[in-house]
Amino acid sequence: MANTNVTPRELPICPICQTGVAFEVRFEKHLKKCEKAKEERDKVTCETCGVVFKKTC
């Protein structure tokens, strides 16, 4: 039998939160969750009138 080396897999890195995602967890599901959380963080509420605005930079 041939002597072969097994290269360990690297965890895929989320481009939004920069964390490794376990293979058991679906990567696409994680990305959607991070994107939704990012959208929530990017909202600003006016203290005077209560209207919600998106941050744009």
PDB file of N, CA and C in Angstrom:
ATOM      1  N   MET A   1       0.835  -1.179   0.000  1.00  0.00           N
ATOM      2  CA  MET A   1       0.000   0.000   0.000  1.00  0.00           C
ATOM      3  C   MET A   1       0.884   1.249   0.000  1.00  0.00           C
ATOM      4  N   ALA A   2       0.461   2.265  -0.731  1.00  0.00           N
ATOM      5  CA  ALA A   2       1.244   3.486  -0.873  1.00  0.00           C
ATOM      6  C   ALA A   2       1.217   4.302   0.414  1.00  0.00           C
ATOM      7  N   ASN A   3       2.328   4.944   0.701  1.00  0.00           N
ATOM      8  CA  ASN A   3       2.434   5.798   1.875  1.00  0.00           C
ATOM      9  C   ASN A   3       1.996   7.215   1.474  1.00  0.00           C
ATOM     10  N   THR A   4       0.796   7.633   1.885  1.00  0.00           N
ATOM     11  CA  THR A   4       0.280   8.945   1.498  1.00  0.00           C
ATOM     12  C   THR A   4       0.071   9.819   2.715  1.00  0.00           C
ATOM     13  N   ASN A   5       0.209  11.101   2.530  1.00  0.00           N
ATOM     14  CA  ASN A   5      -0.031  12.065   3.600  1.00  0.00           C
ATOM     15  C   ASN A   5      -1.421  12.647   3.440  1.00  0.00           C
ATOM     16  N   VAL A   6      -2.045  12.931   4.552  1.00  0.00           N
ATOM     17  CA  VAL A   6      -3.368  13.538   4.537  1.00  0.00           C
ATOM     18  C   VAL A   6      -3.220  14.979   5.003  1.00  0.00           C
ATOM     19  N   THR A   7      -3.625  15.893   4.159  1.00  0.00           N
ATOM     20  CA  THR A   7      -3.563  17.310   4.501  1.00  0.00           C
ATOM     21  C   THR A   7      -4.829  17.695   5.268  1.00  0.00           C
ATOM     22  N   PRO A   8      -4.666  18.248   6.479  1.00  0.00           N
ATOM     23  CA  PRO A   8      -5.871  18.640   7.230  1.00  0.00           C
ATOM     24  C   PRO A   8      -6.593  19.796   6.548  1.00  0.00           C
ATOM     25  N   ARG A   9      -7.921  19.772   6.620  1.00  0.00           N
ATOM     26  CA  ARG A   9      -8.705  20.843   6.021  1.00  0.00           C
ATOM     27  C   ARG A   9      -8.649  22.090   6.885  1.00  0.00           C
ATOM     28  N   GLU A  10      -8.640  23.236   6.244  1.00  0.00           N
ATOM     29  CA  GLU A  10      -8.711  24.502   6.965  1.00  0.00           C
ATOM     30  C   GLU A  10     -10.163  24.930   7.029  1.00  0.00           C
ATOM     31  N   LEU A  11     -10.534  25.573   8.129  1.00  0.00           N
ATOM     32  CA  LEU A  11     -11.893  26.069   8.250  1.00  0.00           C
ATOM     33  C   LEU A  11     -12.100  27.235   7.293  1.00  0.00           C
ATOM     34  N   PRO A  12     -13.245  27.279   6.616  1.00  0.00           N
ATOM     35  CA  PRO A  12     -13.527  28.447   5.778  1.00  0.00           C
ATOM     36  C   PRO A  12     -13.686  29.682   6.669  1.00  0.00           C
ATOM     37  N   ILE A  13     -13.171  30.812   6.225  1.00  0.00           N
ATOM     38  CA  ILE A  13     -13.214  32.051   6.992  1.00  0.00           C
ATOM     39  C   ILE A  13     -14.351  32.927   6.476  1.00  0.00           C
ATOM     40  N   CYS A  14     -15.182  33.400   7.404  1.00  0.00           N
ATOM     41  CA  CYS A  14     -16.280  34.301   7.051  1.00  0.00           C
ATOM     42  C   CYS A  14     -15.700  35.670   6.702  1.00  0.00           C
ATOM     43  N   PRO A  15     -16.032  36.230   5.530  1.00  0.00           N
ATOM     44  CA  PRO A  15     -15.492  37.538   5.148  1.00  0.00           C
ATOM     45  C   PRO A  15     -16.084  38.691   5.954  1.00  0.00           C
ATOM     46  N   ILE A  16     -17.182  38.459   6.653  1.00  0.00           N
ATOM     47  CA  ILE A  16     -17.830  39.528   7.414  1.00  0.00           C
ATOM     48  C   ILE A  16     -17.283  39.602   8.840  1.00  0.00           C
ATOM     49  N   CYS A  17     -17.276  38.449   9.547  1.00  0.00           N
ATOM     50  CA  CYS A  17     -16.856  38.462  10.954  1.00  0.00           C
ATOM     51  C   CYS A  17     -15.443  37.916  11.159  1.00  0.00           C
ATOM     52  N   GLN A  18     -14.812  37.458  10.110  1.00  0.00           N
ATOM     53  CA  GLN A  18     -13.429  36.963  10.134  1.00  0.00           C
ATOM     54  C   GLN A  18     -13.208  35.787  11.079  1.00  0.00           C
ATOM     55  N   THR A  19     -14.212  34.935  11.272  1.00  0.00           N
ATOM     56  CA  THR A  19     -14.052  33.752  12.104  1.00  0.00           C
ATOM     57  C   THR A  19     -14.126  32.504  11.242  1.00  0.00           C
ATOM     58  N   GLY A  20     -13.522  31.440  11.745  1.00  0.00           N
ATOM     59  CA  GLY A  20     -13.596  30.164  11.061  1.00  0.00           C
ATOM     60  C   GLY A  20     -14.951  29.529  11.324  1.00  0.00           C
ATOM     61  N   VAL A  21     -15.523  28.915  10.304  1.00  0.00           N
ATOM     62  CA  VAL A  21     -16.836  28.301  10.414  1.00  0.00           C
ATOM     63  C   VAL A  21     -16.658  26.786  10.333  1.00  0.00           C
ATOM     64  N   ALA A  22     -17.204  26.057  11.310  1.00  0.00           N
ATOM     65  CA  ALA A  22     -17.078  24.603  11.334  1.00  0.00           C
ATOM     66  C   ALA A  22     -17.761  23.999  10.113  1.00  0.00           C
ATOM     67  N   PHE A  23     -17.217  22.888   9.640  1.00  0.00           N
ATOM     68  CA  PHE A  23     -17.777  22.254   8.455  1.00  0.00           C
ATOM     69  C   PHE A  23     -19.173  21.714   8.698  1.00  0.00           C
ATOM     70  N   GLU A  24     -19.488  21.373   9.963  1.00  0.00           N
ATOM     71  CA  GLU A  24     -20.817  20.857  10.248  1.00  0.00           C
ATOM     72  C   GLU A  24     -21.882  21.924  10.016  1.00  0.00           C
ATOM     73  N   VAL A  25     -21.505  23.160  10.265  1.00  0.00           N
ATOM     74  CA  VAL A  25     -22.439  24.272  10.078  1.00  0.00           C
ATOM     75  C   VAL A  25     -22.401  24.659   8.601  1.00  0.00           C
ATOM     76  N   ARG A  26     -23.549  24.919   8.057  1.00  0.00           N
ATOM     77  CA  ARG A  26     -23.571  25.314   6.647  1.00  0.00           C
ATOM     78  C   ARG A  26     -23.012  26.726   6.514  1.00  0.00           C
ATOM     79  N   PHE A  27     -22.010  26.871   5.686  1.00  0.00           N
ATOM     80  CA  PHE A  27     -21.326  28.154   5.520  1.00  0.00           C
ATOM     81  C   PHE A  27     -22.273  29.225   4.985  1.00  0.00           C
ATOM     82  N   GLU A  28     -23.140  28.853   4.056  1.00  0.00           N
ATOM     83  CA  GLU A  28     -24.082  29.823   3.491  1.00  0.00           C
ATOM     84  C   GLU A  28     -25.024  30.359   4.565  1.00  0.00           C
ATOM     85  N   LYS A  29     -25.473  29.486   5.453  1.00  0.00           N
ATOM     86  CA  LYS A  29     -26.365  29.889   6.536  1.00  0.00           C
ATOM     87  C   LYS A  29     -25.649  30.879   7.461  1.00  0.00           C
ATOM     88  N   HIS A  30     -24.390  30.614   7.745  1.00  0.00           N
ATOM     89  CA  HIS A  30     -23.603  31.513   8.579  1.00  0.00           C
ATOM     90  C   HIS A  30     -23.457  32.888   7.915  1.00  0.00           C
ATOM     91  N   LEU A  31     -23.189  32.886   6.615  1.00  0.00           N
ATOM     92  CA  LEU A  31     -23.027  34.157   5.902  1.00  0.00           C
ATOM     93  C   LEU A  31     -24.308  34.988   5.946  1.00  0.00           C
ATOM     94  N   LYS A  32     -25.455  34.335   5.773  1.00  0.00           N
ATOM     95  CA  LYS A  32     -26.725  35.061   5.834  1.00  0.00           C
ATOM     96  C   LYS A  32     -26.940  35.661   7.211  1.00  0.00           C
ATOM     97  N   LYS A  33     -26.606  34.896   8.251  1.00  0.00           N
ATOM     98  CA  LYS A  33     -26.764  35.375   9.621  1.00  0.00           C
ATOM     99  C   LYS A  33     -25.850  36.579   9.878  1.00  0.00           C
ATOM    100  N   CYS A  34     -24.618  36.497   9.426  1.00  0.00           N
ATOM    101  CA  CYS A  34     -23.668  37.604   9.608  1.00  0.00           C
ATOM    102  C   CYS A  34     -24.104  38.840   8.836  1.00  0.00           C
ATOM    103  N   GLU A  35     -24.600  38.638   7.620  1.00  0.00           N
ATOM    104  CA  GLU A  35     -25.048  39.766   6.797  1.00  0.00           C
ATOM    105  C   GLU A  35     -26.226  40.479   7.466  1.00  0.00           C
ATOM    106  N   LYS A  36     -27.152  39.709   8.004  1.00  0.00           N
ATOM    107  CA  LYS A  36     -28.307  40.299   8.681  1.00  0.00           C
ATOM    108  C   LYS A  36     -27.858  41.081   9.914  1.00  0.00           C
ATOM    109  N   ALA A  37     -26.927  40.523  10.679  1.00  0.00           N
ATOM    110  CA  ALA A  37     -26.406  41.208  11.865  1.00  0.00           C
ATOM    111  C   ALA A  37     -25.673  42.486  11.462  1.00  0.00           C
ATOM    112  N   LYS A  38     -24.944  42.434  10.353  1.00  0.00           N
ATOM    113  CA  LYS A  38     -24.215  43.615   9.869  1.00  0.00           C
ATOM    114  C   LYS A  38     -25.191  44.714   9.474  1.00  0.00           C
ATOM    115  N   GLU A  39     -26.289  44.338   8.823  1.00  0.00           N
ATOM    116  CA  GLU A  39     -27.299  45.326   8.432  1.00  0.00           C
ATOM    117  C   GLU A  39     -27.906  45.991   9.657  1.00  0.00           C
ATOM    118  N   GLU A  40     -28.137  45.211  10.712  1.00  0.00           N
ATOM    119  CA  GLU A  40     -28.693  45.766  11.950  1.00  0.00           C
ATOM    120  C   GLU A  40     -27.714  46.744  12.599  1.00  0.00           C
ATOM    121  N   ARG A  41     -26.427  46.423  12.562  1.00  0.00           N
ATOM    122  CA  ARG A  41     -25.412  47.317  13.138  1.00  0.00           C
ATOM    123  C   ARG A  41     -25.290  48.608  12.352  1.00  0.00           C
ATOM    124  N   ASP A  42     -25.595  48.554  11.059  1.00  0.00           N
ATOM    125  CA  ASP A  42     -25.422  49.713  10.197  1.00  0.00           C
ATOM    126  C   ASP A  42     -26.628  50.642  10.192  1.00  0.00           C
ATOM    127  N   LYS A  43     -27.578  50.429  11.086  1.00  0.00           N
ATOM    128  CA  LYS A  43     -28.745  51.308  11.161  1.00  0.00           C
ATOM    129  C   LYS A  43     -28.566  52.318  12.279  1.00  0.00           C
ATOM    130  N   VAL A  44     -29.026  53.536  12.017  1.00  0.00           N
ATOM    131  CA  VAL A  44     -28.955  54.613  12.991  1.00  0.00           C
ATOM    132  C   VAL A  44     -30.359  55.180  13.178  1.00  0.00           C
ATOM    133  N   THR A  45     -30.762  55.361  14.439  1.00  0.00           N
ATOM    134  CA  THR A  45     -32.079  55.913  14.737  1.00  0.00           C
ATOM    135  C   THR A  45     -31.932  57.363  15.170  1.00  0.00           C
ATOM    136  N   CYS A  46     -32.720  58.233  14.556  1.00  0.00           N
ATOM    137  CA  CYS A  46     -32.713  59.649  14.901  1.00  0.00           C
ATOM    138  C   CYS A  46     -33.303  59.811  16.309  1.00  0.00           C
ATOM    139  N   GLU A  47     -32.573  60.495  17.187  1.00  0.00           N
ATOM    140  CA  GLU A  47     -33.036  60.691  18.557  1.00  0.00           C
ATOM    141  C   GLU A  47     -34.219  61.648  18.629  1.00  0.00           C
ATOM    142  N   THR A  48     -34.375  62.529  17.648  1.00  0.00           N
ATOM    143  CA  THR A  48     -35.448  63.514  17.661  1.00  0.00           C
ATOM    144  C   THR A  48     -36.763  62.924  17.158  1.00  0.00           C
ATOM    145  N   CYS A  49     -36.731  62.284  15.992  1.00  0.00           N
ATOM    146  CA  CYS A  49     -37.983  61.829  15.390  1.00  0.00           C
ATOM    147  C   CYS A  49     -38.165  60.313  15.389  1.00  0.00           C
ATOM    148  N   GLY A  50     -37.117  59.547  15.705  1.00  0.00           N
ATOM    149  CA  GLY A  50     -37.226  58.095  15.763  1.00  0.00           C
ATOM    150  C   GLY A  50     -37.124  57.388  14.417  1.00  0.00           C
ATOM    151  N   VAL A  51     -36.841  58.109  13.336  1.00  0.00           N
ATOM    152  CA  VAL A  51     -36.718  57.492  12.012  1.00  0.00           C
ATOM    153  C   VAL A  51     -35.402  56.725  11.934  1.00  0.00           C
ATOM    154  N   VAL A  52     -35.439  55.546  11.327  1.00  0.00           N
ATOM    155  CA  VAL A  52     -34.250  54.694  11.192  1.00  0.00           C
ATOM    156  C   VAL A  52     -33.608  54.944   9.828  1.00  0.00           C
ATOM    157  N   PHE A  53     -32.310  55.199   9.843  1.00  0.00           N
ATOM    158  CA  PHE A  53     -31.550  55.450   8.620  1.00  0.00           C
ATOM    159  C   PHE A  53     -30.461  54.410   8.510  1.00  0.00           C
ATOM    160  N   LYS A  54     -30.019  54.127   7.265  1.00  0.00           N
ATOM    161  CA  LYS A  54     -28.873  53.275   7.038  1.00  0.00           C
ATOM    162  C   LYS A  54     -27.630  54.134   7.050  1.00  0.00           C
ATOM    163  N   LYS A  55     -26.564  53.628   7.686  1.00  0.00           N
ATOM    164  CA  LYS A  55     -25.279  54.317   7.673  1.00  0.00           C
ATOM    165  C   LYS A  55     -24.676  54.107   6.298  1.00  0.00           C
ATOM    166  N   THR A  56     -24.126  55.147   5.725  1.00  0.00           N
ATOM    167  CA  THR A  56     -23.383  55.009   4.476  1.00  0.00           C
ATOM    168  C   THR A  56     -22.062  55.723   4.631  1.00  0.00           C
ATOM    169  N   CYS A  57     -20.991  55.012   4.381  1.00  0.00           N
ATOM    170  CA  CYS A  57     -19.650  55.598   4.492  1.00  0.00           C
ATOM    171  C   CYS A  57     -18.864  55.267   3.263  1.00  0.00           C
TER     172      CYS A  57
END
